Protein backbone atom coordinates (compact mmCIF):
# COMPACT_ATOMS: atom_id res chain seq x y z
CA UNK A 1 70.31 179.17 189.61
CA UNK A 2 74.00 178.76 188.58
CA UNK A 3 76.18 177.39 191.38
CA UNK A 4 79.71 178.83 192.17
CA UNK A 5 82.84 177.22 190.78
CA UNK A 6 83.75 173.90 192.57
CA UNK A 7 85.65 174.58 195.76
CA UNK A 8 85.62 178.36 195.53
CA UNK A 9 82.91 178.96 198.15
CA UNK A 10 84.81 176.77 200.81
CA UNK A 11 88.12 178.38 200.13
CA UNK A 12 86.54 181.99 200.33
CA UNK A 13 84.72 181.18 203.55
CA UNK A 14 87.79 179.47 205.00
CA UNK A 15 90.09 182.61 204.11
CA UNK A 16 87.60 185.09 205.83
CA UNK A 17 87.07 182.96 208.91
CA UNK A 18 90.58 181.87 209.63
CA UNK A 19 91.55 185.43 210.13
CA UNK A 20 89.92 185.33 213.59
CA UNK A 21 91.44 182.15 214.78
CA UNK A 22 94.02 184.07 216.70
CA UNK A 23 95.09 183.13 220.18
CA UNK A 24 96.69 186.43 220.75
CA UNK A 25 93.48 188.29 220.84
CA UNK A 26 92.75 187.02 224.19
CA UNK A 27 96.04 188.11 225.71
CA UNK A 28 97.49 190.84 223.99
CA UNK A 29 96.31 193.58 226.41
CA UNK A 30 97.94 191.37 229.15
CA UNK A 31 101.15 191.33 227.05
CA UNK A 32 101.25 195.01 226.82
CA UNK A 33 100.77 195.53 230.52
CA UNK A 34 103.20 192.86 231.50
CA UNK A 35 105.76 194.65 229.30
CA UNK A 36 105.20 197.70 231.45
CA UNK A 37 102.93 199.88 229.44
CA UNK A 38 100.25 201.95 231.32
CA UNK A 39 96.50 202.05 230.72
CA UNK A 40 97.01 205.24 228.86
CA UNK A 41 99.63 203.90 226.76
CA UNK A 42 97.56 200.79 225.88
CA UNK A 43 94.54 203.15 225.02
CA UNK A 44 96.85 205.12 222.69
CA UNK A 45 97.76 202.01 220.82
CA UNK A 46 94.22 201.30 220.15
CA UNK A 47 93.86 204.88 218.94
CA UNK A 48 96.66 204.33 216.54
CA UNK A 49 94.95 201.17 215.28
CA UNK A 50 91.58 202.69 214.75
CA UNK A 51 92.92 205.74 213.04
CA UNK A 52 95.16 203.82 210.66
CA UNK A 53 92.29 201.64 209.50
CA UNK A 54 90.06 204.70 209.32
CA UNK A 55 92.44 206.60 206.96
CA UNK A 56 93.30 203.63 204.78
CA UNK A 57 89.73 202.24 204.39
CA UNK A 58 88.56 204.04 201.21
CA UNK A 59 92.04 204.51 199.61
CA UNK A 60 92.65 200.75 200.03
CA UNK A 61 89.27 200.06 198.22
CA UNK A 62 90.45 202.10 195.24
CA UNK A 63 93.62 200.06 195.11
CA UNK A 64 91.70 196.93 195.08
CA UNK A 65 89.85 198.33 191.99
CA UNK A 66 92.96 199.16 190.24
CA UNK A 67 95.22 196.26 190.98
CA UNK A 68 94.83 192.66 191.65
CA UNK A 69 92.51 191.96 194.65
CA UNK A 70 93.92 188.48 195.27
CA UNK A 71 97.42 190.15 195.55
CA UNK A 72 96.18 192.78 198.04
CA UNK A 73 94.42 189.97 200.16
CA UNK A 74 97.73 188.05 200.25
CA UNK A 75 99.48 191.40 201.30
CA UNK A 76 96.86 192.00 203.96
CA UNK A 77 97.74 188.61 205.67
CA UNK A 78 101.50 189.06 205.34
CA UNK A 79 101.23 192.61 207.08
CA UNK A 80 99.04 190.92 209.89
CA UNK A 81 101.71 188.28 210.23
CA UNK A 82 104.54 190.77 210.51
CA UNK A 83 102.58 192.89 212.96
CA UNK A 84 102.38 190.03 215.36
CA UNK A 85 105.97 188.97 214.83
CA UNK A 86 106.94 192.53 215.94
CA UNK A 87 105.07 192.16 219.27
CA UNK A 88 106.74 188.83 220.15
CA UNK A 89 110.29 189.61 218.74
CA UNK A 90 110.85 193.05 220.17
CA UNK A 91 108.10 193.75 222.82
CA UNK A 92 108.08 197.51 223.35
CA UNK A 93 105.81 200.51 222.77
CA UNK A 94 107.26 201.26 219.42
CA UNK A 95 106.99 197.77 218.22
CA UNK A 96 103.31 197.51 219.51
CA UNK A 97 102.56 200.84 217.75
CA UNK A 98 104.18 199.47 214.52
CA UNK A 99 102.27 196.38 214.80
CA UNK A 100 99.02 198.19 215.18
CA UNK A 101 99.78 200.35 212.16
CA UNK A 102 100.33 197.05 210.16
CA UNK A 103 97.09 195.56 211.58
CA UNK A 104 95.18 198.51 210.69
CA UNK A 105 96.52 198.63 207.16
CA UNK A 106 96.01 194.91 206.86
CA UNK A 107 92.21 195.17 207.89
CA UNK A 108 91.75 198.15 205.50
CA UNK A 109 93.42 196.22 202.54
CA UNK A 110 91.00 193.21 203.29
CA UNK A 111 87.91 195.25 203.96
CA UNK A 112 85.95 195.90 200.65
CA UNK A 113 88.48 193.89 198.80
CA UNK A 114 87.22 190.50 199.68
CA UNK A 115 83.62 191.35 199.38
CA UNK A 116 84.35 192.66 195.74
CA UNK A 117 86.41 189.74 194.78
CA UNK A 118 83.68 187.29 196.06
CA UNK A 119 80.81 189.00 194.36
CA UNK A 120 82.58 189.64 191.15
CA UNK A 121 83.83 186.03 190.94
CA UNK A 122 80.16 184.94 191.49
CA UNK A 123 78.77 187.29 189.05
CA UNK A 124 81.30 186.06 186.44
CA UNK A 125 79.80 182.59 186.87
CA UNK A 126 76.20 183.92 186.78
CA UNK A 127 75.87 182.94 190.52
CA UNK A 128 75.59 186.23 192.43
CA UNK A 129 72.67 185.10 194.19
CA UNK A 130 75.02 182.96 196.30
CA UNK A 131 76.78 185.98 197.77
CA UNK A 132 74.44 186.30 200.93
CA UNK A 133 74.82 182.61 201.67
CA UNK A 134 78.62 182.70 201.44
CA UNK A 135 79.12 186.02 203.42
CA UNK A 136 76.66 184.57 206.08
CA UNK A 137 78.64 181.49 206.63
CA UNK A 138 81.95 183.28 206.45
CA UNK A 139 80.99 185.67 209.31
CA UNK A 140 79.31 182.79 211.31
CA UNK A 141 82.43 180.74 210.98
CA UNK A 142 84.60 183.81 211.95
CA UNK A 143 82.73 184.14 215.18
CA UNK A 144 83.19 180.46 215.86
CA UNK A 145 86.98 180.94 215.07
CA UNK A 146 87.15 183.68 217.58
CA UNK A 147 85.87 181.60 220.35
CA UNK A 148 88.18 178.80 219.33
CA UNK A 149 91.12 180.96 219.07
CA UNK A 150 90.44 182.35 222.74
CA UNK A 151 90.03 178.90 224.06
CA UNK A 152 93.43 177.92 222.62
CA UNK A 153 95.14 180.79 224.28
CA UNK A 154 95.01 179.16 227.71
CA UNK A 155 96.72 175.86 226.95
CA UNK A 156 99.15 177.68 224.56
CA UNK A 157 100.24 180.12 227.27
CA UNK A 158 100.70 177.33 229.79
CA UNK A 159 102.99 175.52 227.40
CA UNK A 160 105.07 178.57 226.16
CA UNK A 161 103.77 181.90 227.46
CA UNK A 162 103.30 184.92 225.21
CA UNK A 163 105.96 183.59 222.86
CA UNK A 164 104.10 180.54 221.85
CA UNK A 165 100.77 182.20 221.82
CA UNK A 166 102.38 184.86 219.53
CA UNK A 167 104.00 182.61 217.04
CA UNK A 168 100.96 180.31 216.68
CA UNK A 169 99.16 183.51 215.80
CA UNK A 170 101.76 184.38 213.19
CA UNK A 171 101.26 180.88 211.79
CA UNK A 172 97.65 181.40 211.42
CA UNK A 173 98.14 184.59 209.56
CA UNK A 174 100.53 182.89 207.12
CA UNK A 175 97.73 180.25 206.65
CA UNK A 176 95.41 182.89 205.64
CA UNK A 177 97.92 184.31 203.02
CA UNK A 178 97.98 180.70 201.50
CA UNK A 179 94.30 180.44 201.45
CA UNK A 180 94.43 184.03 199.64
CA UNK A 181 96.79 182.70 196.97
CA UNK A 182 94.22 179.96 196.35
CA UNK A 183 91.43 182.48 195.48
CA UNK A 184 90.83 183.49 191.79
CA UNK A 185 91.55 186.84 190.45
CA UNK A 186 88.14 187.52 189.44
CA UNK A 187 87.33 189.96 186.57
CA UNK A 188 85.22 193.12 187.38
CA UNK A 189 81.51 192.39 186.54
CA UNK A 190 79.51 195.28 185.31
CA UNK A 191 76.43 195.65 183.14
CA UNK A 192 76.83 195.81 179.42
CA UNK A 193 75.02 199.09 179.17
CA UNK A 194 77.69 200.68 181.51
CA UNK A 195 80.67 199.92 179.39
CA UNK A 196 80.55 203.09 177.56
CA UNK A 197 80.75 204.94 180.84
CA UNK A 198 84.05 203.12 182.00
CA UNK A 199 87.06 205.17 182.33
CA UNK A 200 90.19 204.68 180.39
CA UNK A 201 92.19 201.99 182.43
CA UNK A 202 95.13 201.95 180.05
CA UNK A 203 97.14 204.40 182.02
CA UNK A 204 99.71 203.89 184.79
CA UNK A 205 98.99 202.52 188.11
CA UNK A 206 98.53 205.85 189.71
CA UNK A 207 96.24 207.08 187.13
CA UNK A 208 94.26 203.81 187.37
CA UNK A 209 94.02 204.26 191.18
CA UNK A 210 92.76 207.87 190.83
CA UNK A 211 90.20 206.78 188.03
CA UNK A 212 88.89 204.10 190.34
CA UNK A 213 88.67 206.24 193.33
CA UNK A 214 86.88 208.87 191.40
CA UNK A 215 84.54 206.20 189.84
CA UNK A 216 83.51 204.59 193.09
CA UNK A 217 82.93 207.90 194.94
CA UNK A 218 80.99 209.24 191.98
CA UNK A 219 78.73 206.02 191.99
CA UNK A 220 77.86 206.53 195.60
CA UNK A 221 76.99 210.31 195.04
CA UNK A 222 75.38 210.13 191.61
CA UNK A 223 73.22 206.93 191.98
CA UNK A 224 70.37 207.18 194.64
CA UNK A 225 69.87 203.35 194.78
CA UNK A 226 73.54 202.79 195.71
CA UNK A 227 73.82 205.88 198.01
CA UNK A 228 70.87 204.78 199.81
CA UNK A 229 72.05 201.11 200.25
CA UNK A 230 75.47 202.38 201.50
CA UNK A 231 73.67 204.72 204.05
CA UNK A 232 71.45 201.79 205.32
CA UNK A 233 74.56 199.43 205.68
CA UNK A 234 76.55 202.27 207.25
CA UNK A 235 73.78 203.17 209.77
CA UNK A 236 73.82 199.51 211.02
CA UNK A 237 77.17 200.47 212.58
CA UNK A 238 74.92 201.59 215.38
CA UNK A 239 74.80 198.01 216.48
CA UNK A 240 78.41 198.37 217.76
CA UNK A 241 77.06 198.53 221.40
CA UNK A 242 77.77 194.68 221.72
CA UNK A 243 81.21 195.71 222.97
CA UNK A 244 79.15 196.84 226.38
CA UNK A 245 77.30 193.62 226.94
CA UNK A 246 79.86 192.62 229.61
CA UNK A 247 79.30 195.70 231.54
CA UNK A 248 75.45 195.18 231.26
CA UNK A 249 75.97 191.88 232.85
CA UNK A 250 78.10 193.24 235.64
CA UNK A 251 75.47 195.99 236.32
CA UNK A 252 72.83 193.28 236.93
CA UNK A 253 75.18 191.51 239.40
CA UNK A 254 76.92 188.87 237.32
CA UNK A 255 80.24 187.61 238.61
CA UNK A 256 83.53 188.02 236.74
CA UNK A 257 83.46 184.20 236.21
CA UNK A 258 80.00 184.30 234.83
CA UNK A 259 80.28 187.36 232.45
CA UNK A 260 82.19 185.32 229.74
CA UNK A 261 79.60 182.62 229.60
CA UNK A 262 76.77 185.24 229.20
CA UNK A 263 78.70 187.06 226.42
CA UNK A 264 79.29 183.75 224.69
CA UNK A 265 75.50 183.34 224.54
CA UNK A 266 75.26 186.72 222.56
CA UNK A 267 77.94 185.51 220.24
CA UNK A 268 75.99 182.41 219.50
CA UNK A 269 73.00 184.32 218.26
CA UNK A 270 74.83 186.21 215.43
CA UNK A 271 76.80 183.03 214.53
CA UNK A 272 73.42 181.35 213.87
CA UNK A 273 71.86 184.38 212.35
CA UNK A 274 74.62 185.11 209.82
CA UNK A 275 74.77 181.35 208.87
CA UNK A 276 71.03 181.59 207.94
CA UNK A 277 71.59 184.61 205.57
CA UNK A 278 71.37 182.34 202.52
CA UNK A 279 67.91 181.40 203.59
CA UNK A 280 66.67 184.94 204.29
CA UNK A 281 68.21 186.58 201.35
CA UNK A 282 65.06 186.80 199.28
CA UNK A 283 63.16 188.37 202.18
CA UNK A 284 61.21 191.64 201.05
CA UNK A 285 61.80 195.06 202.37
CA UNK A 286 58.91 195.06 204.78
CA UNK A 287 60.00 191.71 206.21
CA UNK A 288 63.50 193.22 206.70
CA UNK A 289 62.18 196.18 208.40
CA UNK A 290 59.98 194.17 210.90
CA UNK A 291 62.94 191.89 211.53
CA UNK A 292 65.24 194.79 212.22
CA UNK A 293 62.62 196.61 214.47
CA UNK A 294 61.98 193.27 216.25
CA UNK A 295 65.68 192.86 216.90
CA UNK A 296 66.01 196.29 218.31
CA UNK A 297 63.08 195.80 220.65
CA UNK A 298 64.35 192.48 221.76
CA UNK A 299 67.92 193.77 222.50
CA UNK A 300 66.54 196.66 224.51
CA UNK A 301 64.38 194.38 226.56
CA UNK A 302 67.17 191.98 227.14
CA UNK A 303 69.43 194.92 228.32
CA UNK A 304 66.84 195.86 230.71
CA UNK A 305 66.56 192.48 232.20
CA UNK A 306 70.22 191.92 232.18
CA UNK A 307 70.39 188.43 233.67
CA UNK A 308 70.51 185.01 232.04
CA UNK A 309 66.95 185.42 230.47
CA UNK A 310 68.02 188.94 229.31
CA UNK A 311 71.08 187.64 227.53
CA UNK A 312 69.17 184.95 225.89
CA UNK A 313 66.70 187.54 224.56
CA UNK A 314 69.81 189.82 223.37
CA UNK A 315 71.20 186.66 221.58
CA UNK A 316 68.03 186.26 219.65
CA UNK A 317 67.80 190.01 218.79
CA UNK A 318 71.27 190.35 217.89
CA UNK A 319 71.12 187.11 215.63
CA UNK A 320 68.29 188.66 213.82
CA UNK A 321 70.01 191.98 213.42
CA UNK A 322 73.25 190.15 212.19
CA UNK A 323 71.22 188.24 209.66
CA UNK A 324 69.50 191.59 208.32
CA UNK A 325 73.04 193.08 208.13
CA UNK A 326 74.39 190.44 205.82
CA UNK A 327 71.41 190.56 203.66
CA UNK A 328 71.56 194.37 203.45
CA UNK A 329 75.35 194.04 202.41
CA UNK A 330 74.27 191.69 199.60
CA UNK A 331 71.57 194.08 198.44
CA UNK A 332 74.37 196.72 198.25
CA UNK A 333 76.47 194.48 196.17
CA UNK A 334 73.60 193.97 193.87
CA UNK A 335 73.10 197.75 193.53
CA UNK A 336 76.60 198.42 192.43
CA UNK A 337 77.09 198.36 188.70
CA UNK A 338 80.45 200.36 188.02
CA UNK A 339 83.85 199.14 188.01
CA UNK A 340 84.92 200.35 191.36
CA UNK A 341 83.01 197.78 193.60
CA UNK A 342 85.72 197.61 196.33
CA UNK A 343 85.83 201.36 196.53
CA UNK A 344 82.02 201.62 197.04
CA UNK A 345 82.09 198.87 199.46
CA UNK A 346 85.00 200.59 201.47
CA UNK A 347 83.01 203.82 201.56
CA UNK A 348 80.23 201.86 203.36
CA UNK A 349 82.89 200.39 205.74
CA UNK A 350 84.22 203.93 206.43
CA UNK A 351 80.87 205.22 207.45
CA UNK A 352 80.04 202.19 209.43
CA UNK A 353 83.08 203.02 211.55
CA UNK A 354 81.74 206.62 211.86
CA UNK A 355 78.34 205.42 213.22
CA UNK A 356 80.29 203.01 215.57
CA UNK A 357 82.53 205.72 217.00
CA UNK A 358 79.20 207.68 217.54
CA UNK A 359 77.92 204.93 219.59
CA UNK A 360 81.25 204.86 221.64
CA UNK A 361 81.22 208.54 222.20
CA UNK A 362 77.54 208.48 223.27
CA UNK A 363 78.04 205.79 225.74
CA UNK A 364 81.29 207.39 226.98
CA UNK A 365 79.40 210.68 227.60
CA UNK A 366 76.19 209.18 228.78
CA UNK A 367 77.47 206.58 231.19
CA UNK A 368 78.48 209.58 233.60
CA UNK A 369 74.62 209.90 234.23
CA UNK A 370 72.96 206.72 233.03
CA UNK A 371 73.58 202.96 233.49
CA UNK A 372 75.00 201.31 230.50
CA UNK A 373 71.76 199.00 230.09
CA UNK A 374 69.71 202.38 229.84
CA UNK A 375 72.06 203.73 227.21
CA UNK A 376 71.83 200.58 225.19
CA UNK A 377 67.96 200.91 225.28
CA UNK A 378 68.34 204.54 224.09
CA UNK A 379 70.69 203.45 221.19
CA UNK A 380 68.23 200.75 220.14
CA UNK A 381 65.69 203.62 219.21
CA UNK A 382 67.65 204.81 216.08
CA UNK A 383 67.49 201.27 214.78
CA UNK A 384 63.82 201.46 214.55
CA UNK A 385 64.22 204.51 212.52
CA UNK A 386 66.56 202.74 210.12
CA UNK A 387 64.05 199.86 209.97
CA UNK A 388 61.53 202.49 208.58
CA UNK A 389 63.92 203.40 205.81
CA UNK A 390 64.70 199.81 204.62
CA UNK A 391 61.61 199.25 202.37
CA UNK A 392 62.29 202.57 200.60
CA UNK A 393 65.99 202.70 200.34
CA UNK A 394 67.27 198.94 200.16
CA UNK A 395 67.06 197.46 196.55
CA UNK A 396 64.91 194.36 196.16
CA UNK A 397 66.74 191.09 196.23
CA UNK A 398 68.93 190.41 193.14
CA UNK A 399 67.74 186.83 193.02
CA UNK A 400 66.61 185.82 189.53
CA UNK A 401 68.56 188.43 187.71
CA UNK A 402 70.65 186.12 185.79
CA UNK A 403 67.46 184.17 184.61
CA UNK A 404 65.39 187.39 183.97
CA UNK A 405 68.13 188.79 181.58
CA UNK A 406 69.33 185.42 180.23
CA UNK A 407 72.84 186.95 180.66
CA UNK A 408 76.16 185.53 179.77
CA UNK A 409 79.60 186.76 180.85
CA UNK A 410 82.47 187.59 178.72
CA UNK A 411 85.71 189.54 179.32
CA UNK A 412 86.35 192.83 177.57
CA UNK A 413 89.84 194.29 176.72
CA UNK A 414 90.02 195.82 180.14
CA UNK A 415 89.78 192.59 181.93
CA UNK A 416 86.16 193.45 183.13
CA UNK A 417 83.42 190.77 183.05
CA UNK A 418 80.76 192.20 180.75
CA UNK A 419 77.13 190.94 181.05
CA UNK A 420 75.51 190.61 177.62
CA UNK A 421 72.11 189.13 176.63
């Protein structure tokens, strides 16, 4: 098994994780409220954020396949920093809205782009089998960074109020930009047999963008293996009911002071689960199916119990589900063979958001008649159905592909890494 280039894995994981080391996350809603915004106005800002990211998700993936992915990751971090700067420099509804537009665009530019750069750099070194391990650690450390950033908000606010919290957050975003600059600009890795099908990439920037957009969408539509992997990863967006864990704790009598500790327990589960993705990346489809089904059952039982024991059970279930999600995303990357890897990954991200929105809508409507914990139990049922599809729809582990095919990688005239025997 070939190892990744020296230092690359650490830089990639650090780039991904540091994005969530943002103290402003913990207090930005309070900043908006103290500036004079109503609850309705704050809600409208969140809608602007979500809609921006939703609209730009797939187009940004196509750009990542047409231009330098490293440059887009740098731009993503800079937009992130500018958005926070606006909030601190000119706090007002217009500035907050502009900041959320920039944040949404930043997230869309990073989504798909980072995964594609990471996978193609590893593939170019014959080390694609390390993808699940690195993405697992990246997601795990991102969760830890979120907890650290949240904890830092209290002393920073005590020292300098929203201003200090905001500018420290801007500094973190700029650190991420520097980490992005340290990443390689990986060639696109495709199978040698697919080179004859590649579009002409010698045209202008706009034509290259259109070609890559068409190529990525075509691969999702025409190749069953890719299409099914995209659907499995997308449907795991139904796990978005974690946003409602605090309400479950409250329903079962937890105090306001206790709720954050119980929710932190549920964060620890996925942090451990994703960190172990490298160890579970080889598991077969049936094992994945049983793991996902078990996770759904554990989360449902934990939601019904709702106290400390219940949240410990939820943590275990959510940790298993998070592990399966990382492995499923790695299988999707293994299935992609065309030049538009970031576009295909962004399509998956787009539909994940659709399923997450379905969860939010279901809970918003159902909560008028049912307890939140009951709704979470009901939403665990579709996860069982997804588990049944996993053995049939997800490709097998890509481990051993390099050894089986005895491949080497060379770069063709289009800058695409070509695997040849």
